[in-house]
């Protein structure tokens, strides 16, 4: 079976959506280090994946690539840290659609700066996905306001930031969008997918080890693997998504980036199922529109 960029993108989307739900499930609103705990688990899982990738290429890897690729790694990891910090203050179904607009930002940058193109039918499908994500983010915000989830500043510590909590997924979208664009540049000119993947994963491993040292040694906090069950699952899923993401972006970045943004849709759907959050009719309609856009991309691939 031969995988196409569309297959890679769909797999990355699915794994990332599930990882979001798993991380949200394992987040304790009262733990100020919960975002670091997530980063630690992702870094450990990616470190193991990096060792496997190094073995596959017979350890033929220039360690200096970590430094060369650092700008991309920095934007990615920073955006993820900000997003995970926001998990303490927003429902996954409120934050994920907003964060998912990062793919549209990356696609626009690739189109404007790198001059990449897409066919008319691809443009139609990507437009449906992008517009759907934006509409869904607006609907989620309105629904959250209606239910009072953005106004419980003092009633519930989980929502103490109020509407300002939306700044976390917005910041993620902007920073991750730039990171994805830079990744596109690096993959187009300087790195193979394997080199990019290994460089990012080794950098994440370093971040994980530093964060682990910070929590245990400096802050004297407890860290036991058996208490990190959901972060463990999420780390595996996040690493799997990153693997497929690199190959999808390398093959067809201007279309793949917006497509992979629908991981927020996967997170919303599974968030409704496992975290008992609700969908309104307009939200269902918007999700269906996005799915149609994805179908069009796959059908004309």
C-alpha atoms as a PDB file:
ATOM      1  CA  UNK A   1       0.000   0.000   0.000  1.00  0.00           C
ATOM      2  CA  UNK A   2       1.427   3.376  -1.076  1.00  0.00           C
ATOM      3  CA  UNK A   3       0.802   6.340   1.199  1.00  0.00           C
ATOM      4  CA  UNK A   4       0.065   9.725  -0.362  1.00  0.00           C
ATOM      5  CA  UNK A   5       0.401  13.161   1.236  1.00  0.00           C
ATOM      6  CA  UNK A   6      -3.348  12.986   1.883  1.00  0.00           C
ATOM      7  CA  UNK A   7      -3.008   9.693   3.779  1.00  0.00           C
ATOM      8  CA  UNK A   8      -0.160  11.088   5.877  1.00  0.00           C
ATOM      9  CA  UNK A   9      -2.153  14.259   6.614  1.00  0.00           C
ATOM     10  CA  UNK A  10      -5.278  12.354   7.678  1.00  0.00           C
ATOM     11  CA  UNK A  11      -3.256  10.078   9.977  1.00  0.00           C
ATOM     12  CA  UNK A  12      -1.463  13.051  11.538  1.00  0.00           C
ATOM     13  CA  UNK A  13      -4.800  14.799  12.036  1.00  0.00           C
ATOM     14  CA  UNK A  14      -6.391  11.781  13.699  1.00  0.00           C
ATOM     15  CA  UNK A  15      -3.503  11.127  16.097  1.00  0.00           C
ATOM     16  CA  UNK A  16      -3.161  14.796  17.039  1.00  0.00           C
ATOM     17  CA  UNK A  17      -6.864  15.156  17.699  1.00  0.00           C
ATOM     18  CA  UNK A  18      -6.807  12.173  20.040  1.00  0.00           C
ATOM     19  CA  UNK A  19      -3.668  13.442  21.755  1.00  0.00           C
ATOM     20  CA  UNK A  20      -5.390  16.764  22.524  1.00  0.00           C
ATOM     21  CA  UNK A  21      -8.257  14.963  24.232  1.00  0.00           C
ATOM     22  CA  UNK A  22      -5.878  12.731  26.184  1.00  0.00           C
ATOM     23  CA  UNK A  23      -3.791  15.690  27.386  1.00  0.00           C
ATOM     24  CA  UNK A  24      -6.917  17.588  28.375  1.00  0.00           C
ATOM     25  CA  UNK A  25      -8.158  14.547  30.291  1.00  0.00           C
ATOM     26  CA  UNK A  26      -4.882  14.383  32.204  1.00  0.00           C
ATOM     27  CA  UNK A  27      -4.677  18.109  32.980  1.00  0.00           C
ATOM     28  CA  UNK A  28      -5.265  19.144  36.575  1.00  0.00           C
ATOM     29  CA  UNK A  29      -6.588  22.746  36.682  1.00  0.00           C
ATOM     30  CA  UNK A  30      -4.949  23.158  40.097  1.00  0.00           C
ATOM     31  CA  UNK A  31      -1.498  22.022  38.964  1.00  0.00           C
ATOM     32  CA  UNK A  32       0.548  25.017  37.789  1.00  0.00           C
ATOM     33  CA  UNK A  33       3.068  22.635  36.207  1.00  0.00           C
ATOM     34  CA  UNK A  34       0.552  20.587  34.214  1.00  0.00           C
ATOM     35  CA  UNK A  35       1.792  22.012  30.892  1.00  0.00           C
ATOM     36  CA  UNK A  36       5.351  21.007  31.742  1.00  0.00           C
ATOM     37  CA  UNK A  37       4.206  17.501  32.605  1.00  0.00           C
ATOM     38  CA  UNK A  38       2.723  17.215  29.121  1.00  0.00           C
ATOM     39  CA  UNK A  39       5.895  18.543  27.487  1.00  0.00           C
ATOM     40  CA  UNK A  40       7.967  16.047  29.495  1.00  0.00           C
ATOM     41  CA  UNK A  41       5.956  13.075  28.290  1.00  0.00           C
ATOM     42  CA  UNK A  42       5.970  14.238  24.670  1.00  0.00           C
ATOM     43  CA  UNK A  43       9.724  14.792  24.810  1.00  0.00           C
ATOM     44  CA  UNK A  44      10.357  11.350  26.275  1.00  0.00           C
ATOM     45  CA  UNK A  45       8.222   9.637  23.650  1.00  0.00           C
ATOM     46  CA  UNK A  46       9.811  11.654  20.843  1.00  0.00           C
ATOM     47  CA  UNK A  47      13.247  10.834  22.187  1.00  0.00           C
ATOM     48  CA  UNK A  48      12.484   7.137  21.824  1.00  0.00           C
ATOM     49  CA  UNK A  49      11.155   7.727  18.316  1.00  0.00           C
ATOM     50  CA  UNK A  50      14.330   9.679  17.430  1.00  0.00           C
ATOM     51  CA  UNK A  51      16.488   6.724  18.524  1.00  0.00           C
ATOM     52  CA  UNK A  52      14.425   4.433  16.285  1.00  0.00           C
ATOM     53  CA  UNK A  53      14.793   6.832  13.339  1.00  0.00           C
ATOM     54  CA  UNK A  54      18.553   7.067  13.917  1.00  0.00           C
ATOM     55  CA  UNK A  55      18.749   3.291  13.898  1.00  0.00           C
ATOM     56  CA  UNK A  56      16.824   3.174  10.610  1.00  0.00           C
ATOM     57  CA  UNK A  57      19.365   5.462   8.912  1.00  0.00           C
ATOM     58  CA  UNK A  58      22.289   3.612  10.495  1.00  0.00           C
ATOM     59  CA  UNK A  59      23.101   6.574  12.763  1.00  0.00           C
ATOM     60  CA  UNK A  60      24.100   8.705   9.764  1.00  0.00           C
ATOM     61  CA  UNK A  61      23.042  12.013  11.241  1.00  0.00           C
ATOM     62  CA  UNK A  62      24.867  15.312  11.737  1.00  0.00           C
ATOM     63  CA  UNK A  63      24.232  16.430  15.308  1.00  0.00           C
ATOM     64  CA  UNK A  64      24.661  20.048  14.168  1.00  0.00           C
ATOM     65  CA  UNK A  65      21.289  19.727  12.476  1.00  0.00           C
ATOM     66  CA  UNK A  66      19.695  20.268  15.895  1.00  0.00           C
ATOM     67  CA  UNK A  67      21.124  23.804  15.922  1.00  0.00           C
ATOM     68  CA  UNK A  68      20.237  24.499  12.286  1.00  0.00           C
ATOM     69  CA  UNK A  69      16.670  23.327  12.788  1.00  0.00           C
ATOM     70  CA  UNK A  70      16.291  25.080  16.152  1.00  0.00           C
ATOM     71  CA  UNK A  71      14.213  28.050  14.868  1.00  0.00           C
ATOM     72  CA  UNK A  72      11.506  25.638  13.701  1.00  0.00           C
ATOM     73  CA  UNK A  73      11.681  23.558  16.883  1.00  0.00           C
ATOM     74  CA  UNK A  74      11.522  26.712  19.013  1.00  0.00           C
ATOM     75  CA  UNK A  75       8.291  27.974  17.443  1.00  0.00           C
ATOM     76  CA  UNK A  76       6.671  24.553  17.599  1.00  0.00           C
ATOM     77  CA  UNK A  77       7.545  23.806  21.221  1.00  0.00           C
ATOM     78  CA  UNK A  78       6.756  27.339  22.405  1.00  0.00           C
ATOM     79  CA  UNK A  79       3.325  27.226  20.770  1.00  0.00           C
ATOM     80  CA  UNK A  80       2.589  23.825  22.292  1.00  0.00           C
ATOM     81  CA  UNK A  81       3.647  24.968  25.765  1.00  0.00           C
ATOM     82  CA  UNK A  82       1.307  27.968  25.535  1.00  0.00           C
ATOM     83  CA  UNK A  83      -1.551  25.817  24.257  1.00  0.00           C
ATOM     84  CA  UNK A  84      -1.100  23.214  26.996  1.00  0.00           C
ATOM     85  CA  UNK A  85      -1.006  25.957  29.636  1.00  0.00           C
ATOM     86  CA  UNK A  86      -4.401  27.084  28.358  1.00  0.00           C
ATOM     87  CA  UNK A  87      -5.836  23.599  28.889  1.00  0.00           C
ATOM     88  CA  UNK A  88      -6.247  24.518  32.562  1.00  0.00           C
ATOM     89  CA  UNK A  89      -8.677  27.322  31.709  1.00  0.00           C
ATOM     90  CA  UNK A  90     -10.624  26.285  28.596  1.00  0.00           C
ATOM     91  CA  UNK A  91     -12.718  23.342  27.474  1.00  0.00           C
ATOM     92  CA  UNK A  92     -11.029  21.386  24.672  1.00  0.00           C
ATOM     93  CA  UNK A  93     -14.004  22.130  22.427  1.00  0.00           C
ATOM     94  CA  UNK A  94     -13.538  25.874  22.938  1.00  0.00           C
ATOM     95  CA  UNK A  95      -9.775  26.099  22.488  1.00  0.00           C
ATOM     96  CA  UNK A  96      -9.073  23.509  19.785  1.00  0.00           C
ATOM     97  CA  UNK A  97     -11.041  25.115  16.917  1.00  0.00           C
ATOM     98  CA  UNK A  98      -9.333  28.441  17.600  1.00  0.00           C
ATOM     99  CA  UNK A  99      -5.888  26.833  17.706  1.00  0.00           C
ATOM    100  CA  UNK A 100      -6.649  24.923  14.521  1.00  0.00           C
ATOM    101  CA  UNK A 101      -6.554  28.084  12.409  1.00  0.00           C
ATOM    102  CA  UNK A 102      -2.729  27.801  12.523  1.00  0.00           C
ATOM    103  CA  UNK A 103      -2.822  25.628   9.410  1.00  0.00           C
ATOM    104  CA  UNK A 104      -4.628  28.330   7.475  1.00  0.00           C
ATOM    105  CA  UNK A 105      -1.997  30.856   8.578  1.00  0.00           C
ATOM    106  CA  UNK A 106       0.791  28.556   7.380  1.00  0.00           C
ATOM    107  CA  UNK A 107      -0.991  27.941   4.078  1.00  0.00           C
ATOM    108  CA  UNK A 108      -1.409  31.667   3.445  1.00  0.00           C
ATOM    109  CA  UNK A 109       2.274  32.309   4.208  1.00  0.00           C
ATOM    110  CA  UNK A 110       3.337  29.541   1.829  1.00  0.00           C
ATOM    111  CA  UNK A 111       1.068  30.976  -0.840  1.00  0.00           C
ATOM    112  CA  UNK A 112       2.187  34.592  -0.406  1.00  0.00           C
ATOM    113  CA  UNK A 113       5.875  34.201   0.459  1.00  0.00           C
ATOM    114  CA  UNK A 114       6.941  30.986  -1.249  1.00  0.00           C
ATOM    115  CA  UNK A 115       4.628  31.404  -4.228  1.00  0.00           C
ATOM    116  CA  UNK A 116       3.207  27.883  -3.943  1.00  0.00           C
ATOM    117  CA  UNK A 117      -0.002  27.155  -5.821  1.00  0.00           C
ATOM    118  CA  UNK A 118      -2.996  24.852  -5.681  1.00  0.00           C
ATOM    119  CA  UNK A 119      -5.592  23.766  -8.210  1.00  0.00           C
ATOM    120  CA  UNK A 120      -9.033  25.472  -8.262  1.00  0.00           C
ATOM    121  CA  UNK A 121     -10.692  22.434  -6.702  1.00  0.00           C
ATOM    122  CA  UNK A 122      -8.040  22.303  -3.977  1.00  0.00           C
ATOM    123  CA  UNK A 123      -8.527  26.017  -3.354  1.00  0.00           C
ATOM    124  CA  UNK A 124     -12.278  25.418  -2.968  1.00  0.00           C
ATOM    125  CA  UNK A 125     -11.736  22.563  -0.516  1.00  0.00           C
ATOM    126  CA  UNK A 126      -9.116  24.428   1.531  1.00  0.00           C
ATOM    127  CA  UNK A 127     -11.387  27.481   1.628  1.00  0.00           C
ATOM    128  CA  UNK A 128     -14.252  25.350   2.961  1.00  0.00           C
ATOM    129  CA  UNK A 129     -11.989  23.901   5.641  1.00  0.00           C
ATOM    130  CA  UNK A 130     -10.517  27.268   6.629  1.00  0.00           C
ATOM    131  CA  UNK A 131     -13.862  29.093   6.711  1.00  0.00           C
ATOM    132  CA  UNK A 132     -15.383  26.181   8.610  1.00  0.00           C
ATOM    133  CA  UNK A 133     -12.656  26.286  11.249  1.00  0.00           C
ATOM    134  CA  UNK A 134     -13.063  30.033  11.725  1.00  0.00           C
ATOM    135  CA  UNK A 135     -16.862  29.740  11.944  1.00  0.00           C
ATOM    136  CA  UNK A 136     -16.559  26.842  14.378  1.00  0.00           C
ATOM    137  CA  UNK A 137     -14.191  28.864  16.567  1.00  0.00           C
ATOM    138  CA  UNK A 138     -16.719  31.740  16.624  1.00  0.00           C
ATOM    139  CA  UNK A 139     -19.587  29.355  17.403  1.00  0.00           C
ATOM    140  CA  UNK A 140     -17.586  27.716  20.185  1.00  0.00           C
ATOM    141  CA  UNK A 141     -16.814  31.107  21.729  1.00  0.00           C
ATOM    142  CA  UNK A 142     -20.474  32.163  21.614  1.00  0.00           C
ATOM    143  CA  UNK A 143     -21.593  28.850  23.066  1.00  0.00           C
ATOM    144  CA  UNK A 144     -19.036  29.122  25.848  1.00  0.00           C
ATOM    145  CA  UNK A 145     -20.206  32.648  26.664  1.00  0.00           C
ATOM    146  CA  UNK A 146     -23.821  31.460  26.642  1.00  0.00           C
ATOM    147  CA  UNK A 147     -23.018  28.691  29.102  1.00  0.00           C
ATOM    148  CA  UNK A 148     -20.918  31.067  31.200  1.00  0.00           C
ATOM    149  CA  UNK A 149     -17.680  29.167  30.645  1.00  0.00           C
ATOM    150  CA  UNK A 150     -15.743  32.340  29.843  1.00  0.00           C
ATOM    151  CA  UNK A 151     -17.146  34.419  32.675  1.00  0.00           C
ATOM    152  CA  UNK A 152     -16.625  32.256  35.744  1.00  0.00           C
ATOM    153  CA  UNK A 153     -13.558  34.242  36.769  1.00  0.00           C
ATOM    154  CA  UNK A 154     -13.890  33.745  40.482  1.00  0.00           C
ATOM    155  CA  UNK A 155     -16.427  30.941  40.742  1.00  0.00           C
ATOM    156  CA  UNK A 156     -14.184  28.237  39.341  1.00  0.00           C
ATOM    157  CA  UNK A 157     -10.402  28.320  39.276  1.00  0.00           C
ATOM    158  CA  UNK A 158     -10.391  26.404  36.002  1.00  0.00           C
ATOM    159  CA  UNK A 159     -11.921  29.410  34.244  1.00  0.00           C
ATOM    160  CA  UNK A 160     -10.357  32.217  36.284  1.00  0.00           C
ATOM    161  CA  UNK A 161      -8.944  33.951  33.197  1.00  0.00           C
ATOM    162  CA  UNK A 162     -12.421  34.444  31.768  1.00  0.00           C
ATOM    163  CA  UNK A 163     -12.531  35.464  28.090  1.00  0.00           C
ATOM    164  CA  UNK A 164      -8.815  36.260  28.238  1.00  0.00           C
ATOM    165  CA  UNK A 165      -8.168  32.517  28.262  1.00  0.00           C
ATOM    166  CA  UNK A 166      -8.834  32.548  24.510  1.00  0.00           C
ATOM    167  CA  UNK A 167      -5.491  34.319  24.148  1.00  0.00           C
ATOM    168  CA  UNK A 168      -3.776  30.964  24.706  1.00  0.00           C
ATOM    169  CA  UNK A 169      -5.152  29.170  21.608  1.00  0.00           C
ATOM    170  CA  UNK A 170      -4.890  32.402  19.592  1.00  0.00           C
ATOM    171  CA  UNK A 171      -1.199  32.706  20.503  1.00  0.00           C
ATOM    172  CA  UNK A 172      -0.750  29.041  19.642  1.00  0.00           C
ATOM    173  CA  UNK A 173      -2.328  29.528  16.212  1.00  0.00           C
ATOM    174  CA  UNK A 174      -0.072  32.475  15.355  1.00  0.00           C
ATOM    175  CA  UNK A 175       3.181  30.951  16.634  1.00  0.00           C
ATOM    176  CA  UNK A 176       2.494  27.471  15.289  1.00  0.00           C
ATOM    177  CA  UNK A 177       1.491  28.953  11.918  1.00  0.00           C
ATOM    178  CA  UNK A 178       4.873  30.674  11.654  1.00  0.00           C
ATOM    179  CA  UNK A 179       6.608  27.472  12.780  1.00  0.00           C
ATOM    180  CA  UNK A 180       4.809  25.431  10.123  1.00  0.00           C
ATOM    181  CA  UNK A 181       5.766  27.988   7.472  1.00  0.00           C
ATOM    182  CA  UNK A 182       9.426  27.854   8.543  1.00  0.00           C
ATOM    183  CA  UNK A 183       9.228  24.071   8.510  1.00  0.00           C
ATOM    184  CA  UNK A 184       8.000  24.248   4.928  1.00  0.00           C
ATOM    185  CA  UNK A 185      11.002  26.410   4.017  1.00  0.00           C
ATOM    186  CA  UNK A 186      13.462  24.068   5.711  1.00  0.00           C
ATOM    187  CA  UNK A 187      11.953  20.955   4.143  1.00  0.00           C
ATOM    188  CA  UNK A 188      11.927  22.589   0.725  1.00  0.00           C
ATOM    189  CA  UNK A 189      15.560  23.685   0.783  1.00  0.00           C
ATOM    190  CA  UNK A 190      17.670  22.246   3.569  1.00  0.00           C
ATOM    191  CA  UNK A 191      16.365  19.132   5.306  1.00  0.00           C
ATOM    192  CA  UNK A 192      15.022  15.716   4.446  1.00  0.00           C
ATOM    193  CA  UNK A 193      11.891  14.644   6.372  1.00  0.00           C
ATOM    194  CA  UNK A 194      14.014  12.242   8.431  1.00  0.00           C
ATOM    195  CA  UNK A 195      16.545  14.930   9.365  1.00  0.00           C
ATOM    196  CA  UNK A 196      13.781  17.361  10.316  1.00  0.00           C
ATOM    197  CA  UNK A 197      11.952  14.745  12.375  1.00  0.00           C
ATOM    198  CA  UNK A 198      15.061  13.636  14.270  1.00  0.00           C
ATOM    199  CA  UNK A 199      16.205  17.217  14.891  1.00  0.00           C
ATOM    200  CA  UNK A 200      12.818  18.224  16.303  1.00  0.00           C
ATOM    201  CA  UNK A 201      12.460  15.123  18.431  1.00  0.00           C
ATOM    202  CA  UNK A 202      15.949  15.402  19.933  1.00  0.00           C
ATOM    203  CA  UNK A 203      15.296  19.066  20.754  1.00  0.00           C
ATOM    204  CA  UNK A 204      12.020  18.096  22.407  1.00  0.00           C
ATOM    205  CA  UNK A 205      13.860  15.433  24.414  1.00  0.00           C
ATOM    206  CA  UNK A 206      16.235  18.097  25.731  1.00  0.00           C
ATOM    207  CA  UNK A 207      13.272  20.305  26.674  1.00  0.00           C
ATOM    208  CA  UNK A 208      11.677  17.345  28.469  1.00  0.00           C
ATOM    209  CA  UNK A 209      14.802  16.606  30.500  1.00  0.00           C
ATOM    210  CA  UNK A 210      15.236  20.270  31.464  1.00  0.00           C
ATOM    211  CA  UNK A 211      11.556  20.485  32.453  1.00  0.00           C
ATOM    212  CA  UNK A 212      11.840  17.290  34.489  1.00  0.00           C
ATOM    213  CA  UNK A 213      14.878  18.693  36.318  1.00  0.00           C
ATOM    214  CA  UNK A 214      13.014  21.941  36.945  1.00  0.00           C
ATOM    215  CA  UNK A 215       9.955  20.215  38.425  1.00  0.00           C
ATOM    216  CA  UNK A 216      11.760  17.658  40.591  1.00  0.00           C
ATOM    217  CA  UNK A 217      14.981  19.387  41.647  1.00  0.00           C
ATOM    218  CA  UNK A 218      14.170  23.097  41.621  1.00  0.00           C
ATOM    219  CA  UNK A 219      10.462  23.107  42.480  1.00  0.00           C
ATOM    220  CA  UNK A 220      10.540  19.931  44.596  1.00  0.00           C
ATOM    221  CA  UNK A 221       7.392  18.587  42.959  1.00  0.00           C
ATOM    222  CA  UNK A 222       6.421  14.939  42.768  1.00  0.00           C
ATOM    223  CA  UNK A 223       6.682  13.193  39.405  1.00  0.00           C
ATOM    224  CA  UNK A 224       5.554   9.579  39.153  1.00  0.00           C
ATOM    225  CA  UNK A 225       5.020   7.865  35.827  1.00  0.00           C
ATOM    226  CA  UNK A 226       2.008   5.909  37.074  1.00  0.00           C
ATOM    227  CA  UNK A 227       0.239   9.232  37.686  1.00  0.00           C
ATOM    228  CA  UNK A 228       0.912  10.393  34.117  1.00  0.00           C
ATOM    229  CA  UNK A 229      -1.265   7.789  32.389  1.00  0.00           C
ATOM    230  CA  UNK A 230      -3.194  10.163  30.137  1.00  0.00           C
ATOM    231  CA  UNK A 231      -0.103  12.207  29.320  1.00  0.00           C
ATOM    232  CA  UNK A 232       1.628   8.949  28.415  1.00  0.00           C
ATOM    233  CA  UNK A 233      -1.128   8.054  25.953  1.00  0.00           C
ATOM    234  CA  UNK A 234      -1.110  11.588  24.598  1.00  0.00           C
ATOM    235  CA  UNK A 235       2.672  11.535  24.184  1.00  0.00           C
ATOM    236  CA  UNK A 236       2.488   8.402  22.048  1.00  0.00           C
ATOM    237  CA  UNK A 237      -0.298   9.858  19.914  1.00  0.00           C
ATOM    238  CA  UNK A 238       1.464  13.218  19.535  1.00  0.00           C
ATOM    239  CA  UNK A 239       4.676  11.493  18.421  1.00  0.00           C
ATOM    240  CA  UNK A 240       2.810   9.361  15.894  1.00  0.00           C
ATOM    241  CA  UNK A 241       1.119  12.478  14.525  1.00  0.00           C
ATOM    242  CA  UNK A 242       4.460  14.280  14.188  1.00  0.00           C
ATOM    243  CA  UNK A 243       5.878  11.362  12.204  1.00  0.00           C
ATOM    244  CA  UNK A 244       3.119  11.485   9.590  1.00  0.00           C
ATOM    245  CA  UNK A 245       2.979  15.291   9.642  1.00  0.00           C
ATOM    246  CA  UNK A 246       6.557  15.736   8.415  1.00  0.00           C
ATOM    247  CA  UNK A 247       5.974  13.579   5.354  1.00  0.00           C
ATOM    248  CA  UNK A 248       2.656  15.256   4.548  1.00  0.00           C
ATOM    249  CA  UNK A 249       4.161  18.741   4.814  1.00  0.00           C
ATOM    250  CA  UNK A 250       7.155  17.745   2.726  1.00  0.00           C
ATOM    251  CA  UNK A 251       4.911  16.480  -0.089  1.00  0.00           C
ATOM    252  CA  UNK A 252       2.231  19.164  -0.410  1.00  0.00           C
ATOM    253  CA  UNK A 253       2.545  21.848   2.238  1.00  0.00           C
ATOM    254  CA  UNK A 254       0.135  24.498   0.955  1.00  0.00           C
ATOM    255  CA  UNK A 255      -2.781  22.031   1.017  1.00  0.00           C
ATOM    256  CA  UNK A 256      -1.606  19.685   3.775  1.00  0.00           C
ATOM    257  CA  UNK A 257      -1.147  22.401   6.417  1.00  0.00           C
ATOM    258  CA  UNK A 258      -4.775  23.607   6.350  1.00  0.00           C
ATOM    259  CA  UNK A 259      -5.996  20.022   6.064  1.00  0.00           C
ATOM    260  CA  UNK A 260      -4.096  18.914   9.170  1.00  0.00           C
ATOM    261  CA  UNK A 261      -5.660  21.810  11.048  1.00  0.00           C
ATOM    262  CA  UNK A 262      -8.826  19.751  11.376  1.00  0.00           C
ATOM    263  CA  UNK A 263      -7.208  17.910  14.267  1.00  0.00           C
ATOM    264  CA  UNK A 264      -9.267  20.421  16.252  1.00  0.00           C
ATOM    265  CA  UNK A 265     -12.395  18.859  14.789  1.00  0.00           C
ATOM    266  CA  UNK A 266     -11.249  15.414  15.900  1.00  0.00           C
ATOM    267  CA  UNK A 267     -10.575  16.865  19.358  1.00  0.00           C
ATOM    268  CA  UNK A 268     -14.039  18.473  19.490  1.00  0.00           C
ATOM    269  CA  UNK A 269     -15.815  15.267  18.463  1.00  0.00           C
ATOM    270  CA  UNK A 270     -13.950  13.021  20.882  1.00  0.00           C
ATOM    271  CA  UNK A 271     -14.116  15.718  23.536  1.00  0.00           C
ATOM    272  CA  UNK A 272     -17.891  15.568  23.251  1.00  0.00           C
ATOM    273  CA  UNK A 273     -17.811  11.783  23.530  1.00  0.00           C
ATOM    274  CA  UNK A 274     -15.268  11.238  26.312  1.00  0.00           C
ATOM    275  CA  UNK A 275     -15.330  14.571  28.139  1.00  0.00           C
ATOM    276  CA  UNK A 276     -19.129  14.879  27.907  1.00  0.00           C
ATOM    277  CA  UNK A 277     -19.147  18.246  26.106  1.00  0.00           C
ATOM    278  CA  UNK A 278     -22.087  19.132  23.832  1.00  0.00           C
ATOM    279  CA  UNK A 279     -22.464  20.075  20.151  1.00  0.00           C
ATOM    280  CA  UNK A 280     -25.111  22.465  18.820  1.00  0.00           C
ATOM    281  CA  UNK A 281     -26.800  22.153  15.421  1.00  0.00           C
ATOM    282  CA  UNK A 282     -24.748  25.016  13.870  1.00  0.00           C
ATOM    283  CA  UNK A 283     -21.583  23.302  15.102  1.00  0.00           C
ATOM    284  CA  UNK A 284     -22.656  20.016  13.526  1.00  0.00           C
ATOM    285  CA  UNK A 285     -23.370  21.834  10.253  1.00  0.00           C
ATOM    286  CA  UNK A 286     -19.943  23.504  10.287  1.00  0.00           C
ATOM    287  CA  UNK A 287     -18.178  20.218  11.000  1.00  0.00           C
ATOM    288  CA  UNK A 288     -20.028  18.583   8.100  1.00  0.00           C
ATOM    289  CA  UNK A 289     -18.862  21.403   5.795  1.00  0.00           C
ATOM    290  CA  UNK A 290     -15.284  20.829   6.892  1.00  0.00           C
ATOM    291  CA  UNK A 291     -15.609  17.081   6.334  1.00  0.00           C
ATOM    292  CA  UNK A 292     -16.928  17.733   2.813  1.00  0.00           C
ATOM    293  CA  UNK A 293     -13.850  19.879   2.160  1.00  0.00           C
ATOM    294  CA  UNK A 294     -11.625  17.033   3.341  1.00  0.00           C
ATOM    295  CA  UNK A 295     -13.536  14.585   1.141  1.00  0.00           C
ATOM    296  CA  UNK A 296     -12.996  16.810  -1.887  1.00  0.00           C
ATOM    297  CA  UNK A 297      -9.257  16.949  -1.238  1.00  0.00           C
ATOM    298  CA  UNK A 298      -9.077  13.175  -0.916  1.00  0.00           C
ATOM    299  CA  UNK A 299     -11.304  12.470  -3.910  1.00  0.00           C
ATOM    300  CA  UNK A 300      -9.273  14.651  -6.278  1.00  0.00           C
ATOM    301  CA  UNK A 301      -5.894  13.506  -4.956  1.00  0.00           C
END
